[in-house]
Amino acid sequence: MSVIETTKELMALVQKLDNVDLIKKLVDLAEQCRDLVLENGALKERVGTLEQALATQQTLQYRNNAYWLTDKDDEQSGPFCSTCWDAKRLTIRMVRGIKGYGHCNNCDKTVQYGETDPPPARVPGRNWVRGY
């Protein structure tokens, strides 16, 4: 039986006693219980989010100007933007560009994540990643 159900049953019993002060106190208690249940749900959600962020952080490796995720089979995925992860804990996959360069569409950062030539010049209104 939940706290809210117990409070409702208690409310029904107190109403039979016809004690106004006791009913008011019980209504206050019911509101406090409802608030605690809502807060508990929010805290459980926050804990889940933090546990997920911690698990992600433990599998991230910084290498070649970007973060890379390593799964349990040692498979690597990435690159992920180092600026977005360091500032906001967001795993934003970088768009792989020409010859080892990656671009983050979230923060507009471009990095070289491999040994290669410099990136092509960015032309306003043109998407350098796709080369047009």
N, C-alpha and C. Protein backbone atom coordinates (compact mmCIF):
# COMPACT_ATOMS: atom_id res chain seq x y z
N MET A 1 0.86 -1.18 0.00
CA MET A 1 0.00 0.00 0.00
C MET A 1 0.89 1.23 0.00
N SER A 2 0.60 2.18 -0.86
CA SER A 2 1.42 3.38 -0.98
C SER A 2 1.04 4.41 0.08
N VAL A 3 1.89 5.40 0.23
CA VAL A 3 1.66 6.48 1.19
C VAL A 3 0.39 7.23 0.84
N ILE A 4 0.16 7.45 -0.43
CA ILE A 4 -1.03 8.20 -0.85
C ILE A 4 -2.30 7.41 -0.55
N GLU A 5 -2.29 6.11 -0.82
CA GLU A 5 -3.46 5.28 -0.52
C GLU A 5 -3.74 5.25 0.99
N THR A 6 -2.70 5.13 1.79
CA THR A 6 -2.87 5.12 3.25
C THR A 6 -3.44 6.45 3.73
N THR A 7 -2.96 7.54 3.17
CA THR A 7 -3.45 8.86 3.54
C THR A 7 -4.92 9.01 3.18
N LYS A 8 -5.31 8.50 2.02
CA LYS A 8 -6.72 8.57 1.61
C LYS A 8 -7.61 7.78 2.57
N GLU A 9 -7.17 6.58 2.98
CA GLU A 9 -7.95 5.78 3.93
C GLU A 9 -8.05 6.49 5.28
N LEU A 10 -6.95 7.08 5.71
CA LEU A 10 -6.95 7.81 6.97
C LEU A 10 -7.90 9.00 6.89
N MET A 11 -7.93 9.66 5.75
CA MET A 11 -8.82 10.80 5.53
C MET A 11 -10.29 10.36 5.69
N ALA A 12 -10.62 9.23 5.10
CA ALA A 12 -12.00 8.73 5.19
C ALA A 12 -12.39 8.43 6.64
N LEU A 13 -11.46 7.87 7.41
CA LEU A 13 -11.74 7.58 8.81
C LEU A 13 -11.91 8.86 9.63
N VAL A 14 -11.08 9.85 9.38
CA VAL A 14 -11.13 11.09 10.13
C VAL A 14 -12.41 11.87 9.81
N GLN A 15 -12.87 11.80 8.58
CA GLN A 15 -14.10 12.51 8.21
C GLN A 15 -15.30 11.99 9.02
N LYS A 16 -15.26 10.73 9.39
CA LYS A 16 -16.34 10.17 10.20
C LYS A 16 -16.34 10.76 11.61
N LEU A 17 -15.17 11.20 12.09
CA LEU A 17 -15.07 11.79 13.42
C LEU A 17 -15.59 13.23 13.45
N ASP A 18 -15.67 13.86 12.29
CA ASP A 18 -16.18 15.22 12.15
C ASP A 18 -15.36 16.22 12.97
N ASN A 19 -14.04 16.09 12.93
CA ASN A 19 -13.12 16.99 13.61
C ASN A 19 -12.43 17.84 12.55
N VAL A 20 -12.83 19.11 12.43
CA VAL A 20 -12.35 20.00 11.38
C VAL A 20 -10.84 20.24 11.48
N ASP A 21 -10.32 20.46 12.67
CA ASP A 21 -8.89 20.71 12.83
C ASP A 21 -8.07 19.50 12.40
N LEU A 22 -8.53 18.32 12.77
CA LEU A 22 -7.82 17.10 12.40
C LEU A 22 -7.87 16.90 10.88
N ILE A 23 -8.99 17.21 10.26
CA ILE A 23 -9.12 17.08 8.81
C ILE A 23 -8.16 18.05 8.11
N LYS A 24 -8.06 19.29 8.60
CA LYS A 24 -7.13 20.27 7.99
C LYS A 24 -5.69 19.78 8.08
N LYS A 25 -5.32 19.26 9.24
CA LYS A 25 -3.95 18.75 9.42
C LYS A 25 -3.69 17.57 8.49
N LEU A 26 -4.69 16.72 8.32
CA LEU A 26 -4.53 15.57 7.46
C LEU A 26 -4.42 15.99 5.99
N VAL A 27 -5.17 17.02 5.60
CA VAL A 27 -5.06 17.54 4.23
C VAL A 27 -3.66 18.08 4.00
N ASP A 28 -3.11 18.81 4.97
CA ASP A 28 -1.73 19.31 4.87
C ASP A 28 -0.74 18.16 4.73
N LEU A 29 -0.95 17.11 5.53
CA LEU A 29 -0.08 15.94 5.47
C LEU A 29 -0.17 15.27 4.09
N ALA A 30 -1.37 15.18 3.54
CA ALA A 30 -1.55 14.56 2.22
C ALA A 30 -0.82 15.37 1.15
N GLU A 31 -0.87 16.70 1.23
CA GLU A 31 -0.16 17.54 0.26
C GLU A 31 1.35 17.37 0.38
N GLN A 32 1.83 17.27 1.61
CA GLN A 32 3.27 17.07 1.82
C GLN A 32 3.71 15.71 1.27
N CYS A 33 2.87 14.70 1.47
CA CYS A 33 3.18 13.36 0.94
C CYS A 33 3.23 13.39 -0.59
N ARG A 34 2.28 14.07 -1.20
CA ARG A 34 2.24 14.18 -2.66
C ARG A 34 3.52 14.87 -3.16
N ASP A 35 3.91 15.96 -2.49
CA ASP A 35 5.13 16.68 -2.87
C ASP A 35 6.36 15.79 -2.74
N LEU A 36 6.42 14.98 -1.68
CA LEU A 36 7.55 14.08 -1.48
C LEU A 36 7.61 13.00 -2.55
N VAL A 37 6.45 12.49 -2.93
CA VAL A 37 6.41 11.47 -3.98
C VAL A 37 6.90 12.07 -5.31
N LEU A 38 6.47 13.29 -5.63
CA LEU A 38 6.93 13.95 -6.85
C LEU A 38 8.44 14.22 -6.81
N GLU A 39 8.91 14.71 -5.68
CA GLU A 39 10.33 14.99 -5.53
C GLU A 39 11.15 13.70 -5.65
N ASN A 40 10.64 12.62 -5.07
CA ASN A 40 11.33 11.34 -5.14
C ASN A 40 11.46 10.87 -6.59
N GLY A 41 10.39 11.03 -7.36
CA GLY A 41 10.44 10.66 -8.78
C GLY A 41 11.46 11.48 -9.54
N ALA A 42 11.50 12.79 -9.27
CA ALA A 42 12.47 13.66 -9.93
C ALA A 42 13.90 13.28 -9.55
N LEU A 43 14.11 12.95 -8.28
CA LEU A 43 15.45 12.56 -7.83
C LEU A 43 15.88 11.24 -8.45
N LYS A 44 14.96 10.30 -8.59
CA LYS A 44 15.29 9.02 -9.23
C LYS A 44 15.68 9.24 -10.69
N GLU A 45 14.98 10.14 -11.36
CA GLU A 45 15.32 10.46 -12.74
C GLU A 45 16.70 11.10 -12.83
N ARG A 46 17.00 12.00 -11.91
CA ARG A 46 18.30 12.67 -11.89
C ARG A 46 19.43 11.67 -11.63
N VAL A 47 19.20 10.74 -10.69
CA VAL A 47 20.21 9.72 -10.40
C VAL A 47 20.46 8.87 -11.65
N GLY A 48 19.40 8.51 -12.36
CA GLY A 48 19.57 7.74 -13.60
C GLY A 48 20.39 8.48 -14.63
N THR A 49 20.12 9.78 -14.77
CA THR A 49 20.88 10.60 -15.71
C THR A 49 22.35 10.66 -15.32
N LEU A 50 22.62 10.85 -14.02
CA LEU A 50 24.01 10.92 -13.56
C LEU A 50 24.73 9.59 -13.70
N GLU A 51 24.02 8.48 -13.44
CA GLU A 51 24.64 7.17 -13.62
C GLU A 51 24.99 6.92 -15.08
N GLN A 52 24.12 7.35 -15.98
CA GLN A 52 24.39 7.19 -17.40
C GLN A 52 25.58 8.05 -17.82
N ALA A 53 25.66 9.28 -17.32
CA ALA A 53 26.79 10.16 -17.64
C ALA A 53 28.10 9.58 -17.10
N LEU A 54 28.05 9.00 -15.91
CA LEU A 54 29.25 8.40 -15.34
C LEU A 54 29.70 7.20 -16.16
N ALA A 55 28.75 6.37 -16.57
CA ALA A 55 29.10 5.22 -17.40
C ALA A 55 29.71 5.66 -18.73
N THR A 56 29.16 6.72 -19.31
CA THR A 56 29.71 7.25 -20.56
C THR A 56 31.10 7.79 -20.33
N GLN A 57 31.29 8.54 -19.24
CA GLN A 57 32.59 9.13 -18.96
C GLN A 57 33.65 8.05 -18.77
N GLN A 58 33.28 6.94 -18.18
CA GLN A 58 34.25 5.87 -17.94
C GLN A 58 34.67 5.16 -19.22
N THR A 59 33.86 5.26 -20.27
CA THR A 59 34.22 4.60 -21.53
C THR A 59 34.78 5.57 -22.57
N LEU A 60 34.81 6.88 -22.25
CA LEU A 60 35.36 7.86 -23.18
C LEU A 60 36.88 7.91 -23.08
N GLN A 61 37.51 8.02 -24.23
CA GLN A 61 38.96 8.20 -24.29
C GLN A 61 39.24 9.41 -25.16
N TYR A 62 40.09 10.29 -24.66
CA TYR A 62 40.47 11.48 -25.44
C TYR A 62 41.70 11.14 -26.26
N ARG A 63 41.58 11.31 -27.56
CA ARG A 63 42.69 11.02 -28.45
C ARG A 63 42.50 11.78 -29.75
N ASN A 64 43.55 12.33 -30.28
CA ASN A 64 43.52 13.04 -31.56
C ASN A 64 42.46 14.14 -31.58
N ASN A 65 42.43 14.96 -30.55
CA ASN A 65 41.57 16.15 -30.47
C ASN A 65 40.08 15.86 -30.37
N ALA A 66 39.71 14.63 -30.06
CA ALA A 66 38.29 14.28 -29.93
C ALA A 66 38.15 13.14 -28.92
N TYR A 67 36.91 12.89 -28.51
CA TYR A 67 36.62 11.76 -27.62
C TYR A 67 36.13 10.58 -28.46
N TRP A 68 36.47 9.40 -27.98
CA TRP A 68 36.07 8.15 -28.63
C TRP A 68 35.48 7.24 -27.57
N LEU A 69 34.38 6.58 -27.88
CA LEU A 69 33.76 5.62 -26.97
C LEU A 69 34.28 4.22 -27.26
N THR A 70 34.54 3.48 -26.20
CA THR A 70 34.96 2.10 -26.32
C THR A 70 33.92 1.24 -25.64
N ASP A 71 33.33 0.28 -26.37
CA ASP A 71 32.32 -0.59 -25.76
C ASP A 71 32.99 -1.81 -25.13
N LYS A 72 32.18 -2.73 -24.60
CA LYS A 72 32.72 -3.89 -23.88
C LYS A 72 33.51 -4.84 -24.78
N ASP A 73 33.30 -4.76 -26.09
CA ASP A 73 34.04 -5.58 -27.05
C ASP A 73 35.24 -4.84 -27.62
N ASP A 74 35.63 -3.73 -27.00
CA ASP A 74 36.73 -2.87 -27.44
C ASP A 74 36.51 -2.28 -28.82
N GLU A 75 35.25 -2.18 -29.24
CA GLU A 75 34.92 -1.50 -30.48
C GLU A 75 34.89 0.00 -30.20
N GLN A 76 35.44 0.77 -31.11
CA GLN A 76 35.52 2.22 -30.93
C GLN A 76 34.48 2.91 -31.81
N SER A 77 33.84 3.92 -31.26
CA SER A 77 32.96 4.76 -32.06
C SER A 77 33.30 6.22 -31.78
N GLY A 78 33.11 7.04 -32.77
CA GLY A 78 33.44 8.44 -32.62
C GLY A 78 33.85 9.01 -33.95
N PRO A 79 34.37 10.15 -34.00
CA PRO A 79 34.76 11.01 -32.88
C PRO A 79 33.58 11.79 -32.31
N PHE A 80 33.70 12.14 -31.03
CA PHE A 80 32.72 12.98 -30.34
C PHE A 80 33.40 14.30 -29.97
N CYS A 81 32.64 15.36 -30.02
CA CYS A 81 33.17 16.70 -29.81
C CYS A 81 33.68 16.88 -28.38
N SER A 82 34.95 17.27 -28.27
CA SER A 82 35.53 17.48 -26.94
C SER A 82 34.99 18.74 -26.28
N THR A 83 34.69 19.75 -27.04
CA THR A 83 34.14 20.99 -26.47
C THR A 83 32.77 20.74 -25.86
N CYS A 84 31.90 20.04 -26.58
CA CYS A 84 30.55 19.77 -26.07
C CYS A 84 30.59 18.86 -24.84
N TRP A 85 31.48 17.86 -24.83
CA TRP A 85 31.56 16.97 -23.67
C TRP A 85 32.15 17.71 -22.47
N ASP A 86 33.23 18.43 -22.67
CA ASP A 86 33.88 19.11 -21.55
C ASP A 86 33.01 20.20 -20.94
N ALA A 87 32.25 20.91 -21.76
CA ALA A 87 31.45 22.03 -21.26
C ALA A 87 30.08 21.61 -20.75
N LYS A 88 29.43 20.69 -21.48
CA LYS A 88 28.02 20.39 -21.16
C LYS A 88 27.72 18.90 -20.97
N ARG A 89 28.75 18.07 -21.02
CA ARG A 89 28.58 16.62 -20.90
C ARG A 89 27.64 16.05 -21.97
N LEU A 90 27.77 16.58 -23.19
CA LEU A 90 26.97 16.11 -24.32
C LEU A 90 27.87 15.29 -25.24
N THR A 91 27.42 14.09 -25.59
CA THR A 91 28.17 13.29 -26.55
C THR A 91 27.61 13.58 -27.94
N ILE A 92 28.19 14.56 -28.58
CA ILE A 92 27.78 14.99 -29.91
C ILE A 92 28.75 14.38 -30.91
N ARG A 93 28.24 13.51 -31.76
CA ARG A 93 29.09 12.89 -32.77
C ARG A 93 29.49 13.94 -33.81
N MET A 94 30.78 13.97 -34.10
CA MET A 94 31.29 14.90 -35.11
C MET A 94 31.08 14.31 -36.49
N VAL A 95 30.78 15.16 -37.43
CA VAL A 95 30.62 14.74 -38.81
C VAL A 95 32.01 14.58 -39.39
N ARG A 96 32.28 13.40 -39.89
CA ARG A 96 33.60 13.15 -40.47
C ARG A 96 33.71 13.86 -41.80
N GLY A 97 34.71 14.68 -41.89
CA GLY A 97 34.90 15.48 -43.09
C GLY A 97 35.99 14.93 -43.98
N ILE A 98 36.56 15.79 -44.72
CA ILE A 98 37.57 15.43 -45.70
C ILE A 98 38.89 15.14 -45.00
N LYS A 99 39.51 14.05 -45.32
CA LYS A 99 40.87 13.69 -44.91
C LYS A 99 41.15 13.84 -43.42
N GLY A 100 40.34 13.21 -42.58
CA GLY A 100 40.64 13.16 -41.16
C GLY A 100 40.18 14.34 -40.33
N TYR A 101 39.31 15.18 -40.87
CA TYR A 101 38.78 16.30 -40.11
C TYR A 101 37.35 16.00 -39.71
N GLY A 102 36.98 16.50 -38.53
CA GLY A 102 35.61 16.34 -38.06
C GLY A 102 35.03 17.70 -37.69
N HIS A 103 33.72 17.79 -37.84
CA HIS A 103 33.02 19.05 -37.55
C HIS A 103 31.85 18.77 -36.63
N CYS A 104 31.70 19.58 -35.59
CA CYS A 104 30.57 19.47 -34.67
C CYS A 104 29.48 20.44 -35.10
N ASN A 105 28.32 19.90 -35.40
CA ASN A 105 27.21 20.75 -35.82
C ASN A 105 26.55 21.45 -34.63
N ASN A 106 26.89 21.06 -33.41
CA ASN A 106 26.32 21.69 -32.23
C ASN A 106 27.06 22.98 -31.87
N CYS A 107 28.39 22.91 -31.79
CA CYS A 107 29.17 24.09 -31.38
C CYS A 107 30.00 24.68 -32.51
N ASP A 108 29.94 24.08 -33.68
CA ASP A 108 30.62 24.56 -34.88
C ASP A 108 32.14 24.44 -34.79
N LYS A 109 32.64 23.49 -34.02
CA LYS A 109 34.08 23.28 -33.89
C LYS A 109 34.55 22.30 -34.97
N THR A 110 35.72 22.56 -35.52
CA THR A 110 36.35 21.66 -36.49
C THR A 110 37.69 21.22 -35.92
N VAL A 111 37.95 19.92 -35.95
CA VAL A 111 39.23 19.40 -35.44
C VAL A 111 39.80 18.38 -36.43
N GLN A 112 41.09 18.24 -36.34
CA GLN A 112 41.77 17.19 -37.08
C GLN A 112 41.90 16.01 -36.13
N TYR A 113 41.33 14.87 -36.48
CA TYR A 113 41.43 13.71 -35.61
C TYR A 113 42.33 12.63 -36.20
N GLY A 114 43.04 12.95 -37.27
CA GLY A 114 43.99 12.02 -37.87
C GLY A 114 45.10 12.79 -38.55
N GLU A 115 46.14 12.09 -38.94
CA GLU A 115 47.27 12.71 -39.64
C GLU A 115 46.86 12.93 -41.10
N THR A 116 46.85 14.19 -41.53
CA THR A 116 46.43 14.47 -42.90
C THR A 116 46.74 15.90 -43.29
N ASP A 117 46.29 16.30 -44.47
CA ASP A 117 46.47 17.65 -44.98
C ASP A 117 45.55 18.61 -44.23
N PRO A 118 45.81 19.92 -44.30
CA PRO A 118 44.92 20.89 -43.66
C PRO A 118 43.53 20.87 -44.32
N PRO A 119 42.50 21.30 -43.58
CA PRO A 119 41.15 21.27 -44.15
C PRO A 119 41.01 22.29 -45.26
N PRO A 120 40.05 22.07 -46.16
CA PRO A 120 39.81 23.06 -47.20
C PRO A 120 39.28 24.35 -46.57
N ALA A 121 39.49 25.45 -47.26
CA ALA A 121 39.00 26.74 -46.76
C ALA A 121 37.48 26.73 -46.72
N ARG A 122 36.91 27.32 -45.70
CA ARG A 122 35.45 27.38 -45.57
C ARG A 122 34.96 28.58 -46.34
N VAL A 123 34.02 28.33 -47.20
CA VAL A 123 33.41 29.38 -48.00
C VAL A 123 32.05 29.69 -47.40
N PRO A 124 31.76 30.97 -47.08
CA PRO A 124 30.45 31.28 -46.50
C PRO A 124 29.32 30.74 -47.37
N GLY A 125 28.38 30.07 -46.72
CA GLY A 125 27.23 29.53 -47.43
C GLY A 125 27.48 28.16 -48.04
N ARG A 126 28.67 27.63 -47.84
CA ARG A 126 28.99 26.32 -48.40
C ARG A 126 29.28 25.36 -47.26
N ASN A 127 28.92 24.12 -47.45
CA ASN A 127 29.18 23.08 -46.45
C ASN A 127 30.47 22.38 -46.82
N TRP A 128 31.55 22.67 -46.12
CA TRP A 128 32.86 22.11 -46.46
C TRP A 128 32.92 20.62 -46.24
N VAL A 129 32.08 20.09 -45.30
CA VAL A 129 32.12 18.66 -45.00
C VAL A 129 31.70 17.85 -46.22
N ARG A 130 30.70 18.31 -46.92
CA ARG A 130 30.23 17.60 -48.10
C ARG A 130 30.97 18.02 -49.36
N GLY A 131 31.75 19.08 -49.24
CA GLY A 131 32.57 19.51 -50.35
C GLY A 131 31.85 20.28 -51.43
N TYR A 132 30.71 20.88 -51.12
CA TYR A 132 29.99 21.69 -52.11
C TYR A 132 29.48 22.95 -51.51
